Amino acid sequence: MGIEELLKEKREEILEIAAKHGAINVRVFGSVARGEADADSDVDFLTLVVAGIMWWLTRPRHRHKSPDKK
């Protein structure tokens, strides 16, 4: 499963987690958004944090590893 498919599968969970932390308007940017991600790429999220009304860059703690690559 590629990163794009994984994001689609996890979309609702990502939005729920963001909302729990006061973040809305979740967007993906960087290599994933450009369609240039590989097995070593991370996912960059840009969100609007409601509590502070500021843009915040967040990254997941774990990188997606393709099952095809070791």
Protein backbone atom coordinates (compact mmCIF):
# COMPACT_ATOMS: atom_id res chain seq x y z
CA MET A 1 0.00 0.00 0.00
CA GLY A 2 1.40 3.38 -0.98
CA ILE A 3 1.37 6.49 1.19
CA GLU A 4 -1.53 8.05 -0.76
CA GLU A 5 -3.71 4.99 -0.18
CA LEU A 6 -2.72 4.90 3.49
CA LEU A 7 -3.72 8.56 3.92
CA LYS A 8 -7.08 7.91 2.28
CA GLU A 9 -7.65 4.90 4.57
CA LYS A 10 -6.64 6.87 7.70
CA ARG A 11 -8.29 10.18 6.74
CA GLU A 12 -11.06 10.14 9.33
CA GLU A 13 -8.69 9.04 12.09
CA ILE A 14 -6.24 11.83 11.19
CA LEU A 15 -9.03 14.42 11.27
CA GLU A 16 -10.30 13.10 14.63
CA ILE A 17 -6.84 13.31 16.18
CA ALA A 18 -6.36 16.82 14.81
CA ALA A 19 -9.73 17.93 16.18
CA LYS A 20 -8.90 16.55 19.65
CA HIS A 21 -5.91 18.90 19.67
CA GLY A 22 -7.84 21.94 18.42
CA ALA A 23 -6.59 21.68 14.84
CA ILE A 24 -8.78 22.17 11.79
CA ASN A 25 -8.26 22.61 8.06
CA VAL A 26 -5.72 19.77 7.88
CA ARG A 27 -3.64 19.83 4.70
CA VAL A 28 -0.80 17.68 3.37
CA PHE A 29 2.22 19.38 1.83
CA GLY A 30 5.73 18.47 0.77
CA SER A 31 6.76 15.39 -1.19
CA VAL A 32 3.47 13.55 -0.56
CA ALA A 33 1.39 16.45 -1.89
CA ARG A 34 3.67 16.74 -4.94
CA GLY A 35 3.41 13.00 -5.63
CA GLU A 36 7.15 12.56 -5.06
CA ALA A 37 7.07 10.52 -1.82
CA ASP A 38 9.01 7.30 -1.53
CA ALA A 39 9.28 4.63 1.16
CA ASP A 40 11.51 6.86 3.31
CA SER A 41 9.26 9.93 3.12
CA ASP A 42 7.37 11.32 6.07
CA VAL A 43 4.02 13.08 5.86
CA ASP A 44 3.90 16.83 6.46
CA PHE A 45 0.63 18.27 7.78
CA LEU A 46 -0.30 21.95 7.86
CA THR A 47 -3.19 22.79 10.19
CA LEU A 48 -5.02 25.74 11.62
CA VAL A 49 -4.91 25.51 15.40
CA VAL A 50 -8.14 26.99 16.71
CA ALA A 51 -7.01 27.59 20.28
CA GLY A 52 -4.14 29.86 19.24
CA ILE A 53 -5.36 30.84 15.77
CA MET A 54 -1.98 30.06 14.30
CA TRP A 55 -0.61 27.82 11.59
CA TRP A 56 1.27 24.84 12.89
CA LEU A 57 3.51 22.32 11.23
CA THR A 58 3.15 18.81 12.56
CA ARG A 59 4.67 15.49 11.65
CA PRO A 60 3.65 12.01 12.67
CA ARG A 61 6.12 10.23 14.92
CA HIS A 62 6.35 7.15 12.73
CA ARG A 63 7.36 6.95 9.10
CA HIS A 64 5.39 4.81 6.70
CA LYS A 65 7.47 1.95 5.38
CA SER A 66 6.33 0.29 2.21
CA PRO A 67 5.90 -3.46 2.68
CA ASP A 68 7.67 -3.86 -0.68
CA LYS A 69 10.90 -2.26 0.58
CA LYS A 70 13.02 -3.19 3.54
